[in-house]
Amino acid sequence: MRPGTGRKPKHSPTKLPRLSKGRLEELVEEAIVDAYNESEQAVGFLTIMEDNLKVPFDTYVLGVSVTVEKMDMTNDDQIVAVCARAGQKQEISITSLPLPSPPPEGWEWIAAYRYWRRGFE
């Protein structure tokens, strides 16, 4: 709680370790190696996240604590985090999902997916 306010401090954005452009490109290549189109590439990322991203993990969304239970894919091939709180679930795009500090094991796959979605920028 903030002294004198009775409120919890706001969650600040996570400072993730930096991955070099070369490392991000290696991760992207590993995720999409056998894919022939963008849809298959997204499935490649989802598969590698399911294998390497340690879930569940807790993070904050709009200042509220949530538990990321798993990754899933929407009908338009976007990867989302399935977040839970107080018996309710909500899907959040992993391109927008704030990561906790320290980030979960395997977080670099989220970074690589974000890099790939931005068109290698």
N, C-alpha and C. Protein backbone atom coordinates (compact mmCIF):
# COMPACT_ATOMS: atom_id res chain seq x y z
N MET A 1 0.84 -1.18 0.00
CA MET A 1 0.00 0.00 0.00
C MET A 1 0.88 1.24 0.00
N ARG A 2 0.40 2.27 -0.66
CA ARG A 2 1.11 3.54 -0.62
C ARG A 2 0.87 4.19 0.72
N PRO A 3 1.93 4.70 1.32
CA PRO A 3 1.76 5.34 2.61
C PRO A 3 0.73 6.46 2.53
N GLY A 4 -0.21 6.44 3.46
CA GLY A 4 -1.19 7.51 3.55
C GLY A 4 -2.33 7.46 2.57
N THR A 5 -2.34 6.50 1.62
CA THR A 5 -3.40 6.47 0.62
C THR A 5 -4.34 5.31 0.79
N GLY A 6 -3.87 4.24 1.45
CA GLY A 6 -4.70 3.06 1.59
C GLY A 6 -4.86 2.28 0.28
N ARG A 7 -4.06 2.64 -0.74
CA ARG A 7 -4.15 1.97 -2.03
C ARG A 7 -2.85 1.26 -2.35
N LYS A 8 -3.00 0.20 -3.12
CA LYS A 8 -1.82 -0.53 -3.58
C LYS A 8 -1.09 0.31 -4.62
N PRO A 9 0.23 0.16 -4.72
CA PRO A 9 0.96 0.89 -5.76
C PRO A 9 0.55 0.38 -7.14
N LYS A 10 0.61 1.27 -8.11
CA LYS A 10 0.31 0.86 -9.48
C LYS A 10 1.41 -0.05 -9.99
N HIS A 11 1.02 -1.02 -10.81
CA HIS A 11 1.97 -1.94 -11.40
C HIS A 11 2.69 -1.22 -12.53
N SER A 12 3.99 -1.18 -12.46
CA SER A 12 4.76 -0.52 -13.51
C SER A 12 5.11 -1.54 -14.59
N PRO A 13 5.29 -1.08 -15.83
CA PRO A 13 5.64 -2.00 -16.91
C PRO A 13 6.92 -2.76 -16.60
N THR A 14 6.95 -3.99 -17.00
CA THR A 14 8.09 -4.86 -16.76
C THR A 14 9.25 -4.47 -17.65
N LYS A 15 10.42 -4.40 -17.07
CA LYS A 15 11.64 -4.22 -17.86
C LYS A 15 12.18 -5.60 -18.15
N LEU A 16 11.89 -6.10 -19.33
CA LEU A 16 12.36 -7.43 -19.71
C LEU A 16 13.81 -7.36 -20.15
N PRO A 17 14.52 -8.45 -19.96
CA PRO A 17 15.87 -8.50 -20.52
C PRO A 17 15.78 -8.28 -22.04
N ARG A 18 16.75 -7.63 -22.59
CA ARG A 18 16.74 -7.36 -24.02
C ARG A 18 17.24 -8.56 -24.80
N LEU A 19 16.55 -8.87 -25.88
CA LEU A 19 17.01 -9.90 -26.80
C LEU A 19 17.51 -9.18 -28.06
N SER A 20 18.63 -9.60 -28.56
CA SER A 20 19.16 -8.98 -29.77
C SER A 20 18.27 -9.32 -30.96
N LYS A 21 18.37 -8.51 -32.00
CA LYS A 21 17.62 -8.78 -33.22
C LYS A 21 18.00 -10.16 -33.77
N GLY A 22 19.26 -10.49 -33.70
CA GLY A 22 19.72 -11.80 -34.16
C GLY A 22 19.08 -12.94 -33.38
N ARG A 23 19.01 -12.79 -32.05
CA ARG A 23 18.40 -13.84 -31.22
C ARG A 23 16.92 -13.95 -31.51
N LEU A 24 16.23 -12.81 -31.66
CA LEU A 24 14.80 -12.85 -31.99
C LEU A 24 14.58 -13.57 -33.33
N GLU A 25 15.43 -13.29 -34.30
CA GLU A 25 15.28 -13.92 -35.61
C GLU A 25 15.55 -15.43 -35.53
N GLU A 26 16.50 -15.85 -34.67
CA GLU A 26 16.73 -17.28 -34.45
C GLU A 26 15.48 -17.95 -33.87
N LEU A 27 14.86 -17.32 -32.89
CA LEU A 27 13.66 -17.87 -32.26
C LEU A 27 12.52 -17.94 -33.27
N VAL A 28 12.35 -16.89 -34.06
CA VAL A 28 11.30 -16.89 -35.08
C VAL A 28 11.52 -18.04 -36.05
N GLU A 29 12.74 -18.19 -36.52
CA GLU A 29 13.06 -19.26 -37.47
C GLU A 29 12.75 -20.63 -36.88
N GLU A 30 13.10 -20.82 -35.61
CA GLU A 30 12.82 -22.10 -34.96
C GLU A 30 11.31 -22.36 -34.88
N ALA A 31 10.53 -21.32 -34.60
CA ALA A 31 9.08 -21.48 -34.45
C ALA A 31 8.38 -21.76 -35.78
N ILE A 32 8.89 -21.19 -36.87
CA ILE A 32 8.16 -21.28 -38.15
C ILE A 32 8.85 -22.16 -39.19
N VAL A 33 9.84 -22.92 -38.79
CA VAL A 33 10.69 -23.66 -39.71
C VAL A 33 9.91 -24.54 -40.71
N ASP A 34 8.87 -25.19 -40.30
CA ASP A 34 8.14 -26.09 -41.20
C ASP A 34 6.82 -25.51 -41.70
N ALA A 35 6.61 -24.22 -41.52
CA ALA A 35 5.34 -23.60 -41.88
C ALA A 35 5.37 -23.05 -43.31
N TYR A 36 4.24 -23.19 -43.99
CA TYR A 36 4.16 -22.73 -45.38
C TYR A 36 3.43 -21.42 -45.56
N ASN A 37 2.63 -21.02 -44.56
CA ASN A 37 1.91 -19.74 -44.68
C ASN A 37 1.79 -19.12 -43.28
N GLU A 38 1.21 -17.93 -43.22
CA GLU A 38 1.13 -17.20 -41.95
C GLU A 38 0.32 -17.96 -40.90
N SER A 39 -0.74 -18.61 -41.31
CA SER A 39 -1.57 -19.38 -40.38
C SER A 39 -0.75 -20.51 -39.75
N GLU A 40 0.00 -21.23 -40.57
CA GLU A 40 0.84 -22.31 -40.05
C GLU A 40 1.97 -21.76 -39.18
N GLN A 41 2.46 -20.58 -39.50
CA GLN A 41 3.50 -19.95 -38.68
C GLN A 41 2.95 -19.63 -37.29
N ALA A 42 1.72 -19.10 -37.22
CA ALA A 42 1.10 -18.81 -35.93
C ALA A 42 0.93 -20.09 -35.12
N VAL A 43 0.52 -21.17 -35.78
CA VAL A 43 0.39 -22.47 -35.09
C VAL A 43 1.77 -22.92 -34.58
N GLY A 44 2.81 -22.68 -35.34
CA GLY A 44 4.16 -23.02 -34.90
C GLY A 44 4.53 -22.28 -33.62
N PHE A 45 4.20 -20.99 -33.56
CA PHE A 45 4.46 -20.22 -32.34
C PHE A 45 3.64 -20.75 -31.17
N LEU A 46 2.37 -21.04 -31.39
CA LEU A 46 1.53 -21.56 -30.32
C LEU A 46 2.10 -22.88 -29.79
N THR A 47 2.50 -23.75 -30.68
CA THR A 47 3.05 -25.05 -30.28
C THR A 47 4.31 -24.88 -29.46
N ILE A 48 5.20 -24.01 -29.90
CA ILE A 48 6.46 -23.84 -29.18
C ILE A 48 6.22 -23.17 -27.83
N MET A 49 5.21 -22.28 -27.75
CA MET A 49 4.88 -21.67 -26.45
C MET A 49 4.28 -22.71 -25.51
N GLU A 50 3.43 -23.56 -26.04
CA GLU A 50 2.84 -24.61 -25.20
C GLU A 50 3.93 -25.52 -24.63
N ASP A 51 5.00 -25.72 -25.40
CA ASP A 51 6.09 -26.59 -24.97
C ASP A 51 7.09 -25.88 -24.04
N ASN A 52 7.22 -24.55 -24.14
CA ASN A 52 8.31 -23.86 -23.47
C ASN A 52 7.93 -22.77 -22.48
N LEU A 53 6.73 -22.23 -22.57
CA LEU A 53 6.32 -21.15 -21.67
C LEU A 53 5.73 -21.75 -20.40
N LYS A 54 6.30 -21.40 -19.26
CA LYS A 54 5.84 -21.97 -18.00
C LYS A 54 4.56 -21.25 -17.55
N VAL A 55 3.46 -21.99 -17.59
CA VAL A 55 2.18 -21.50 -17.08
C VAL A 55 1.70 -22.46 -16.00
N PRO A 56 0.92 -22.03 -15.06
CA PRO A 56 0.37 -20.68 -14.95
C PRO A 56 1.41 -19.70 -14.39
N PHE A 57 1.16 -18.41 -14.66
CA PHE A 57 1.92 -17.34 -14.02
C PHE A 57 0.98 -16.17 -13.77
N ASP A 58 1.32 -15.38 -12.78
CA ASP A 58 0.51 -14.22 -12.41
C ASP A 58 1.08 -12.96 -13.03
N THR A 59 0.18 -12.06 -13.42
CA THR A 59 0.57 -10.75 -13.93
C THR A 59 -0.55 -9.78 -13.62
N TYR A 60 -0.38 -8.55 -14.04
CA TYR A 60 -1.40 -7.52 -13.83
C TYR A 60 -1.93 -7.05 -15.17
N VAL A 61 -3.26 -6.94 -15.28
CA VAL A 61 -3.91 -6.38 -16.46
C VAL A 61 -4.80 -5.25 -15.95
N LEU A 62 -4.56 -4.05 -16.43
CA LEU A 62 -5.29 -2.87 -15.98
C LEU A 62 -5.25 -2.73 -14.46
N GLY A 63 -4.10 -3.06 -13.87
CA GLY A 63 -3.92 -2.93 -12.44
C GLY A 63 -4.53 -4.02 -11.59
N VAL A 64 -5.09 -5.04 -12.22
CA VAL A 64 -5.74 -6.13 -11.51
C VAL A 64 -4.92 -7.41 -11.70
N SER A 65 -4.69 -8.11 -10.62
CA SER A 65 -3.92 -9.36 -10.68
C SER A 65 -4.75 -10.44 -11.38
N VAL A 66 -4.13 -11.11 -12.34
CA VAL A 66 -4.76 -12.23 -13.05
C VAL A 66 -3.75 -13.38 -13.12
N THR A 67 -4.28 -14.57 -13.36
CA THR A 67 -3.44 -15.74 -13.59
C THR A 67 -3.55 -16.15 -15.04
N VAL A 68 -2.42 -16.20 -15.72
CA VAL A 68 -2.39 -16.69 -17.10
C VAL A 68 -2.35 -18.21 -17.00
N GLU A 69 -3.43 -18.85 -17.47
CA GLU A 69 -3.55 -20.30 -17.34
C GLU A 69 -2.98 -21.06 -18.53
N LYS A 70 -3.15 -20.49 -19.73
CA LYS A 70 -2.66 -21.17 -20.93
C LYS A 70 -2.68 -20.21 -22.10
N MET A 71 -2.12 -20.66 -23.20
CA MET A 71 -2.17 -19.93 -24.47
C MET A 71 -3.21 -20.61 -25.35
N ASP A 72 -3.84 -19.82 -26.21
CA ASP A 72 -4.83 -20.36 -27.14
C ASP A 72 -4.76 -19.55 -28.43
N MET A 73 -5.52 -19.96 -29.42
CA MET A 73 -5.52 -19.26 -30.70
C MET A 73 -6.95 -18.90 -31.08
N THR A 74 -7.13 -17.69 -31.59
CA THR A 74 -8.43 -17.25 -32.05
C THR A 74 -8.68 -17.76 -33.47
N ASN A 75 -9.90 -17.59 -33.94
CA ASN A 75 -10.24 -18.01 -35.31
C ASN A 75 -9.46 -17.26 -36.37
N ASP A 76 -8.96 -16.07 -36.03
CA ASP A 76 -8.16 -15.31 -37.00
C ASP A 76 -6.66 -15.43 -36.74
N ASP A 77 -6.26 -16.55 -36.11
CA ASP A 77 -4.85 -16.93 -35.94
C ASP A 77 -4.05 -15.99 -35.03
N GLN A 78 -4.70 -15.37 -34.08
CA GLN A 78 -4.01 -14.55 -33.09
C GLN A 78 -3.80 -15.40 -31.83
N ILE A 79 -2.61 -15.33 -31.25
CA ILE A 79 -2.36 -16.06 -30.01
C ILE A 79 -2.80 -15.18 -28.84
N VAL A 80 -3.56 -15.79 -27.94
CA VAL A 80 -4.07 -15.08 -26.77
C VAL A 80 -3.69 -15.84 -25.51
N ALA A 81 -3.60 -15.09 -24.42
CA ALA A 81 -3.40 -15.68 -23.10
C ALA A 81 -4.78 -15.81 -22.47
N VAL A 82 -5.07 -16.98 -21.94
CA VAL A 82 -6.33 -17.18 -21.22
C VAL A 82 -6.04 -16.81 -19.77
N CYS A 83 -6.64 -15.68 -19.34
CA CYS A 83 -6.41 -15.13 -18.00
C CYS A 83 -7.62 -15.41 -17.13
N ALA A 84 -7.36 -15.70 -15.85
CA ALA A 84 -8.44 -16.01 -14.92
C ALA A 84 -8.32 -15.15 -13.67
N ARG A 85 -9.49 -14.80 -13.13
CA ARG A 85 -9.55 -14.07 -11.86
C ARG A 85 -10.94 -14.27 -11.27
N ALA A 86 -11.00 -14.68 -10.04
CA ALA A 86 -12.27 -14.81 -9.32
C ALA A 86 -13.29 -15.64 -10.10
N GLY A 87 -12.84 -16.75 -10.69
CA GLY A 87 -13.75 -17.65 -11.39
C GLY A 87 -14.14 -17.22 -12.78
N GLN A 88 -13.64 -16.09 -13.25
CA GLN A 88 -13.95 -15.61 -14.60
C GLN A 88 -12.70 -15.71 -15.46
N LYS A 89 -12.90 -15.88 -16.76
CA LYS A 89 -11.79 -15.98 -17.71
C LYS A 89 -11.94 -14.95 -18.82
N GLN A 90 -10.81 -14.48 -19.30
CA GLN A 90 -10.78 -13.49 -20.39
C GLN A 90 -9.55 -13.77 -21.24
N GLU A 91 -9.71 -13.70 -22.54
CA GLU A 91 -8.58 -13.84 -23.45
C GLU A 91 -7.97 -12.47 -23.71
N ILE A 92 -6.64 -12.39 -23.62
CA ILE A 92 -5.90 -11.16 -23.87
C ILE A 92 -4.84 -11.48 -24.92
N SER A 93 -4.76 -10.67 -25.95
CA SER A 93 -3.73 -10.87 -26.97
C SER A 93 -2.35 -10.85 -26.31
N ILE A 94 -1.50 -11.79 -26.67
CA ILE A 94 -0.17 -11.78 -26.06
C ILE A 94 0.69 -10.65 -26.59
N THR A 95 0.24 -9.99 -27.65
CA THR A 95 0.97 -8.80 -28.10
C THR A 95 0.75 -7.64 -27.13
N SER A 96 -0.31 -7.70 -26.33
CA SER A 96 -0.64 -6.64 -25.37
C SER A 96 -0.47 -7.06 -23.92
N LEU A 97 -0.24 -8.33 -23.66
CA LEU A 97 -0.18 -8.84 -22.30
C LEU A 97 1.02 -8.30 -21.54
N PRO A 98 0.79 -7.61 -20.42
CA PRO A 98 1.93 -7.20 -19.59
C PRO A 98 2.55 -8.43 -18.92
N LEU A 99 3.85 -8.52 -18.96
CA LEU A 99 4.53 -9.66 -18.32
C LEU A 99 5.01 -9.25 -16.94
N PRO A 100 5.03 -10.20 -16.01
CA PRO A 100 5.47 -9.89 -14.65
C PRO A 100 6.99 -9.76 -14.58
N SER A 101 7.44 -9.27 -13.44
CA SER A 101 8.87 -9.19 -13.19
C SER A 101 9.17 -10.04 -11.96
N PRO A 102 9.99 -11.05 -12.07
CA PRO A 102 10.64 -11.51 -13.30
C PRO A 102 9.64 -12.21 -14.22
N PRO A 103 9.95 -12.23 -15.51
CA PRO A 103 9.04 -12.88 -16.46
C PRO A 103 9.08 -14.40 -16.29
N PRO A 104 8.04 -15.07 -16.77
CA PRO A 104 8.02 -16.54 -16.63
C PRO A 104 9.06 -17.19 -17.53
N GLU A 105 9.45 -18.39 -17.15
CA GLU A 105 10.37 -19.17 -17.98
C GLU A 105 9.74 -19.32 -19.36
N GLY A 106 10.51 -19.07 -20.40
CA GLY A 106 10.02 -19.19 -21.77
C GLY A 106 9.45 -17.90 -22.33
N TRP A 107 9.55 -16.81 -21.58
CA TRP A 107 9.00 -15.52 -22.02
C TRP A 107 9.57 -15.07 -23.37
N GLU A 108 10.76 -15.53 -23.70
CA GLU A 108 11.39 -15.09 -24.94
C GLU A 108 10.58 -15.48 -26.17
N TRP A 109 9.74 -16.53 -26.05
CA TRP A 109 8.87 -16.92 -27.17
C TRP A 109 7.77 -15.89 -27.38
N ILE A 110 7.32 -15.27 -26.31
CA ILE A 110 6.35 -14.17 -26.46
C ILE A 110 7.03 -13.00 -27.16
N ALA A 111 8.25 -12.69 -26.76
CA ALA A 111 9.00 -11.61 -27.41
C ALA A 111 9.21 -11.89 -28.90
N ALA A 112 9.54 -13.13 -29.23
CA ALA A 112 9.74 -13.50 -30.63
C ALA A 112 8.44 -13.40 -31.43
N TYR A 113 7.34 -13.82 -30.83
CA TYR A 113 6.03 -13.72 -31.50
C TYR A 113 5.68 -12.26 -31.75
N ARG A 114 5.90 -11.41 -30.77
CA ARG A 114 5.63 -9.97 -30.93
C ARG A 114 6.49 -9.39 -32.06
N TYR A 115 7.75 -9.78 -32.09
CA TYR A 115 8.67 -9.32 -33.14
C TYR A 115 8.18 -9.77 -34.51
N TRP A 116 7.76 -11.02 -34.62
CA TRP A 116 7.26 -11.57 -35.88
C TRP A 116 5.98 -10.86 -36.30
N ARG A 117 5.06 -10.64 -35.36
CA ARG A 117 3.79 -9.96 -35.66
C ARG A 117 4.01 -8.53 -36.16
N ARG A 118 5.05 -7.89 -35.65
CA ARG A 118 5.36 -6.51 -36.07
C ARG A 118 6.09 -6.48 -37.40
N GLY A 119 6.32 -7.62 -38.01
CA GLY A 119 7.02 -7.65 -39.29
C GLY A 119 8.51 -7.48 -39.15
N PHE A 120 9.09 -8.04 -38.08
CA PHE A 120 10.54 -8.01 -37.82
C PHE A 120 11.03 -6.60 -37.53
N GLU A 121 10.20 -5.84 -36.83
CA GLU A 121 10.61 -4.48 -36.44
C GLU A 121 10.76 -4.40 -34.94
